[in-house]
Amino acid sequence: MAGTIRVEVVYALPEKQKLIAVEVPEGVSMLEAVIASGIADHFEGLDPARVSMGVFGKVEPNPAGRKLAEGERVEIYRPLKADPKSARRARARRASQD
């Protein structure tokens, strides 16, 4: 019989952050853990099935297939507001004009 593991689910906006510890069955996927945590109830418009997520800063391309281990922290990522390369180019252009 499978046991349970304890994992954390975290999401942050500039004005609000939430970390939820949750006990889930062994073999649970990242997506299942996020749904089980209920974190989407704390953030309007957060759809766990449509966001990027990862574990300890490493993006997971398949959250529904990635099984979690005891103590892991699932991070839900917000979409980027600007492409980092474009932002860097814009800063360089502004600096060269000064």
N, C-alpha and C. Protein backbone atom coordinates (compact mmCIF):
# COMPACT_ATOMS: atom_id res chain seq x y z
N MET A 1 0.84 -1.18 0.00
CA MET A 1 0.00 0.00 0.00
C MET A 1 0.88 1.24 0.00
N ALA A 2 0.56 2.19 -0.85
CA ALA A 2 1.35 3.40 -0.97
C ALA A 2 1.09 4.33 0.21
N GLY A 3 2.16 5.05 0.59
CA GLY A 3 2.03 6.00 1.68
C GLY A 3 1.80 7.41 1.15
N THR A 4 2.09 8.36 1.98
CA THR A 4 1.94 9.75 1.58
C THR A 4 3.29 10.46 1.68
N ILE A 5 3.38 11.56 0.95
CA ILE A 5 4.56 12.42 1.02
C ILE A 5 4.09 13.84 1.29
N ARG A 6 4.99 14.64 1.80
CA ARG A 6 4.68 16.05 2.07
C ARG A 6 5.47 16.89 1.06
N VAL A 7 4.75 17.74 0.35
CA VAL A 7 5.37 18.64 -0.62
C VAL A 7 4.82 20.05 -0.39
N GLU A 8 5.46 21.03 -1.01
CA GLU A 8 4.99 22.41 -0.92
C GLU A 8 4.62 22.91 -2.31
N VAL A 9 3.64 23.77 -2.37
CA VAL A 9 3.23 24.42 -3.61
C VAL A 9 3.30 25.92 -3.36
N VAL A 10 3.94 26.65 -4.26
CA VAL A 10 4.13 28.08 -4.05
C VAL A 10 3.81 28.87 -5.32
N TYR A 11 3.20 30.04 -5.10
CA TYR A 11 2.91 30.97 -6.20
C TYR A 11 3.04 32.37 -5.65
N ALA A 12 3.55 33.28 -6.46
CA ALA A 12 3.75 34.64 -5.98
C ALA A 12 3.41 35.66 -7.05
N LEU A 13 2.74 36.69 -6.62
CA LEU A 13 2.51 37.89 -7.41
C LEU A 13 3.29 39.00 -6.71
N PRO A 14 3.51 40.13 -7.36
CA PRO A 14 4.26 41.19 -6.68
C PRO A 14 3.64 41.60 -5.34
N GLU A 15 2.32 41.56 -5.25
CA GLU A 15 1.65 42.03 -4.04
C GLU A 15 1.17 40.91 -3.11
N LYS A 16 1.30 39.65 -3.53
CA LYS A 16 0.76 38.54 -2.73
C LYS A 16 1.53 37.26 -3.03
N GLN A 17 1.89 36.54 -1.97
CA GLN A 17 2.57 35.26 -2.12
C GLN A 17 1.85 34.22 -1.25
N LYS A 18 1.95 32.98 -1.70
CA LYS A 18 1.31 31.90 -0.93
C LYS A 18 2.15 30.64 -1.05
N LEU A 19 2.43 30.01 0.09
CA LEU A 19 3.11 28.72 0.13
C LEU A 19 2.20 27.78 0.91
N ILE A 20 1.87 26.67 0.30
CA ILE A 20 0.96 25.70 0.94
C ILE A 20 1.66 24.35 1.02
N ALA A 21 1.77 23.82 2.22
CA ALA A 21 2.29 22.47 2.42
C ALA A 21 1.11 21.51 2.32
N VAL A 22 1.31 20.42 1.61
CA VAL A 22 0.21 19.49 1.40
C VAL A 22 0.74 18.05 1.46
N GLU A 23 -0.06 17.17 2.05
CA GLU A 23 0.25 15.74 2.05
C GLU A 23 -0.51 15.10 0.92
N VAL A 24 0.23 14.38 0.08
CA VAL A 24 -0.37 13.76 -1.10
C VAL A 24 0.10 12.31 -1.19
N PRO A 25 -0.61 11.48 -1.93
CA PRO A 25 -0.18 10.09 -2.08
C PRO A 25 1.15 9.99 -2.82
N GLU A 26 1.97 9.02 -2.47
CA GLU A 26 3.20 8.76 -3.22
C GLU A 26 2.85 8.54 -4.68
N GLY A 27 3.70 9.02 -5.57
CA GLY A 27 3.45 8.84 -7.00
C GLY A 27 2.61 9.94 -7.61
N VAL A 28 2.25 10.97 -6.83
CA VAL A 28 1.42 12.06 -7.34
C VAL A 28 2.24 12.91 -8.32
N SER A 29 1.56 13.44 -9.31
CA SER A 29 2.23 14.32 -10.28
C SER A 29 2.25 15.75 -9.75
N MET A 30 3.09 16.58 -10.37
CA MET A 30 3.14 18.00 -10.00
C MET A 30 1.76 18.63 -10.14
N LEU A 31 1.12 18.39 -11.27
CA LEU A 31 -0.18 18.99 -11.53
C LEU A 31 -1.20 18.54 -10.49
N GLU A 32 -1.21 17.27 -10.16
CA GLU A 32 -2.15 16.76 -9.16
C GLU A 32 -1.91 17.41 -7.79
N ALA A 33 -0.65 17.60 -7.43
CA ALA A 33 -0.32 18.22 -6.15
C ALA A 33 -0.78 19.68 -6.11
N VAL A 34 -0.60 20.39 -7.22
CA VAL A 34 -1.04 21.79 -7.29
C VAL A 34 -2.56 21.86 -7.12
N ILE A 35 -3.26 21.00 -7.81
CA ILE A 35 -4.72 20.99 -7.70
C ILE A 35 -5.15 20.62 -6.27
N ALA A 36 -4.50 19.61 -5.69
CA ALA A 36 -4.84 19.17 -4.34
C ALA A 36 -4.55 20.25 -3.30
N SER A 37 -3.57 21.11 -3.56
CA SER A 37 -3.22 22.16 -2.60
C SER A 37 -4.30 23.23 -2.49
N GLY A 38 -5.10 23.38 -3.55
CA GLY A 38 -6.12 24.42 -3.56
C GLY A 38 -5.57 25.82 -3.74
N ILE A 39 -4.34 25.94 -4.17
CA ILE A 39 -3.72 27.26 -4.29
C ILE A 39 -4.45 28.15 -5.30
N ALA A 40 -5.08 27.56 -6.30
CA ALA A 40 -5.80 28.36 -7.31
C ALA A 40 -6.96 29.12 -6.68
N ASP A 41 -7.47 28.64 -5.55
CA ASP A 41 -8.57 29.34 -4.87
C ASP A 41 -8.12 30.68 -4.28
N HIS A 42 -6.81 30.85 -4.11
CA HIS A 42 -6.28 32.06 -3.50
C HIS A 42 -5.90 33.14 -4.53
N PHE A 43 -5.91 32.78 -5.82
CA PHE A 43 -5.50 33.71 -6.87
C PHE A 43 -6.50 33.68 -8.02
N GLU A 44 -7.18 34.79 -8.21
CA GLU A 44 -8.18 34.88 -9.27
C GLU A 44 -7.52 34.63 -10.64
N GLY A 45 -8.11 33.76 -11.42
CA GLY A 45 -7.65 33.50 -12.78
C GLY A 45 -6.50 32.51 -12.89
N LEU A 46 -6.04 31.96 -11.79
CA LEU A 46 -4.95 30.98 -11.84
C LEU A 46 -5.51 29.62 -12.24
N ASP A 47 -5.08 29.13 -13.39
CA ASP A 47 -5.53 27.83 -13.90
C ASP A 47 -4.34 26.88 -13.92
N PRO A 48 -4.25 25.96 -12.96
CA PRO A 48 -3.10 25.07 -12.87
C PRO A 48 -2.79 24.29 -14.15
N ALA A 49 -3.80 24.00 -14.93
CA ALA A 49 -3.58 23.23 -16.16
C ALA A 49 -2.94 24.07 -17.26
N ARG A 50 -2.89 25.39 -17.09
CA ARG A 50 -2.42 26.27 -18.17
C ARG A 50 -1.18 27.09 -17.82
N VAL A 51 -0.55 26.81 -16.68
CA VAL A 51 0.62 27.59 -16.27
C VAL A 51 1.88 26.75 -16.31
N SER A 52 3.01 27.44 -16.39
CA SER A 52 4.30 26.75 -16.29
C SER A 52 4.59 26.50 -14.83
N MET A 53 5.26 25.40 -14.56
CA MET A 53 5.67 25.11 -13.19
C MET A 53 6.96 24.33 -13.19
N GLY A 54 7.59 24.29 -12.05
CA GLY A 54 8.85 23.58 -11.92
C GLY A 54 9.10 23.21 -10.48
N VAL A 55 10.26 22.60 -10.26
CA VAL A 55 10.67 22.20 -8.93
C VAL A 55 12.01 22.86 -8.65
N PHE A 56 12.07 23.64 -7.58
CA PHE A 56 13.29 24.32 -7.15
C PHE A 56 13.98 25.06 -8.30
N GLY A 57 13.20 25.83 -9.06
CA GLY A 57 13.76 26.69 -10.10
C GLY A 57 14.00 26.05 -11.45
N LYS A 58 13.70 24.77 -11.59
CA LYS A 58 13.89 24.09 -12.86
C LYS A 58 12.52 23.82 -13.49
N VAL A 59 12.27 24.45 -14.65
CA VAL A 59 10.98 24.32 -15.32
C VAL A 59 10.77 22.87 -15.77
N GLU A 60 9.57 22.38 -15.55
CA GLU A 60 9.19 21.02 -15.94
C GLU A 60 8.29 21.10 -17.17
N PRO A 61 8.72 20.51 -18.30
CA PRO A 61 7.90 20.59 -19.50
C PRO A 61 6.60 19.78 -19.44
N ASN A 62 6.54 18.78 -18.56
CA ASN A 62 5.35 17.93 -18.48
C ASN A 62 4.91 17.76 -17.02
N PRO A 63 4.27 18.80 -16.44
CA PRO A 63 3.88 18.71 -15.03
C PRO A 63 2.93 17.55 -14.73
N ALA A 64 2.11 17.16 -15.68
CA ALA A 64 1.17 16.06 -15.44
C ALA A 64 1.88 14.72 -15.38
N GLY A 65 3.07 14.63 -15.94
CA GLY A 65 3.81 13.37 -15.94
C GLY A 65 4.94 13.30 -14.94
N ARG A 66 5.30 14.44 -14.36
CA ARG A 66 6.44 14.49 -13.42
C ARG A 66 5.98 14.11 -12.02
N LYS A 67 6.50 12.99 -11.51
CA LYS A 67 6.15 12.51 -10.17
C LYS A 67 7.00 13.23 -9.13
N LEU A 68 6.39 13.54 -8.01
CA LEU A 68 7.08 14.27 -6.95
C LEU A 68 7.66 13.33 -5.90
N ALA A 69 8.68 13.83 -5.23
CA ALA A 69 9.30 13.11 -4.12
C ALA A 69 9.10 13.91 -2.84
N GLU A 70 9.24 13.25 -1.72
CA GLU A 70 9.11 13.88 -0.41
C GLU A 70 9.95 15.15 -0.33
N GLY A 71 9.32 16.22 0.16
CA GLY A 71 10.04 17.47 0.40
C GLY A 71 10.23 18.40 -0.77
N GLU A 72 9.79 18.01 -1.96
CA GLU A 72 9.97 18.89 -3.11
C GLU A 72 9.00 20.07 -3.04
N ARG A 73 9.41 21.17 -3.68
CA ARG A 73 8.58 22.37 -3.72
C ARG A 73 8.20 22.66 -5.17
N VAL A 74 6.91 22.66 -5.45
CA VAL A 74 6.41 22.98 -6.79
C VAL A 74 6.23 24.48 -6.87
N GLU A 75 6.87 25.09 -7.85
CA GLU A 75 6.76 26.53 -8.06
C GLU A 75 5.92 26.77 -9.29
N ILE A 76 4.92 27.62 -9.16
CA ILE A 76 4.07 28.00 -10.30
C ILE A 76 4.62 29.31 -10.82
N TYR A 77 4.90 29.35 -12.13
CA TYR A 77 5.54 30.53 -12.72
C TYR A 77 4.54 31.41 -13.45
N ARG A 78 4.72 32.71 -13.31
CA ARG A 78 3.92 33.69 -14.05
C ARG A 78 4.53 33.86 -15.43
N PRO A 79 3.72 34.24 -16.42
CA PRO A 79 4.29 34.52 -17.73
C PRO A 79 5.16 35.77 -17.67
N LEU A 80 6.19 35.80 -18.51
CA LEU A 80 7.06 36.98 -18.57
C LEU A 80 6.31 38.13 -19.20
N LYS A 81 6.51 39.34 -18.66
CA LYS A 81 5.88 40.52 -19.23
C LYS A 81 6.64 41.00 -20.46
N ALA A 82 7.94 40.75 -20.48
CA ALA A 82 8.77 41.18 -21.61
C ALA A 82 9.81 40.10 -21.88
N ASP A 83 10.14 39.93 -23.14
CA ASP A 83 11.18 39.00 -23.51
C ASP A 83 12.51 39.52 -22.95
N PRO A 84 13.25 38.71 -22.18
CA PRO A 84 14.49 39.19 -21.58
C PRO A 84 15.50 39.72 -22.60
N LYS A 85 15.60 39.08 -23.75
CA LYS A 85 16.55 39.55 -24.77
C LYS A 85 16.14 40.92 -25.30
N SER A 86 14.86 41.10 -25.56
CA SER A 86 14.37 42.39 -26.04
C SER A 86 14.58 43.49 -25.00
N ALA A 87 14.32 43.18 -23.75
CA ALA A 87 14.50 44.15 -22.68
C ALA A 87 15.97 44.55 -22.56
N ARG A 88 16.86 43.58 -22.68
CA ARG A 88 18.30 43.85 -22.60
C ARG A 88 18.74 44.75 -23.75
N ARG A 89 18.24 44.46 -24.96
CA ARG A 89 18.57 45.30 -26.13
C ARG A 89 18.07 46.73 -25.94
N ALA A 90 16.86 46.88 -25.41
CA ALA A 90 16.30 48.21 -25.19
C ALA A 90 17.12 49.00 -24.17
N ARG A 91 17.55 48.32 -23.10
CA ARG A 91 18.40 48.99 -22.10
C ARG A 91 19.72 49.42 -22.72
N ALA A 92 20.30 48.56 -23.54
CA ALA A 92 21.59 48.89 -24.20
C ALA A 92 21.42 50.07 -25.13
N ARG A 93 20.30 50.11 -25.87
CA ARG A 93 20.03 51.24 -26.77
C ARG A 93 19.91 52.55 -26.00
N ARG A 94 19.16 52.50 -24.89
CA ARG A 94 19.00 53.71 -24.07
C ARG A 94 20.32 54.18 -23.50
N ALA A 95 21.15 53.23 -23.05
CA ALA A 95 22.45 53.57 -22.46
C ALA A 95 23.38 54.18 -23.51
N SER A 96 23.31 53.71 -24.75
CA SER A 96 24.19 54.23 -25.80
C SER A 96 23.76 55.61 -26.24
N GLN A 97 22.50 55.99 -26.01
CA GLN A 97 21.99 57.30 -26.39
C GLN A 97 22.35 58.37 -25.36
N ASP A 98 22.70 57.94 -24.16
CA ASP A 98 23.05 58.90 -23.09
C ASP A 98 24.44 59.46 -23.25
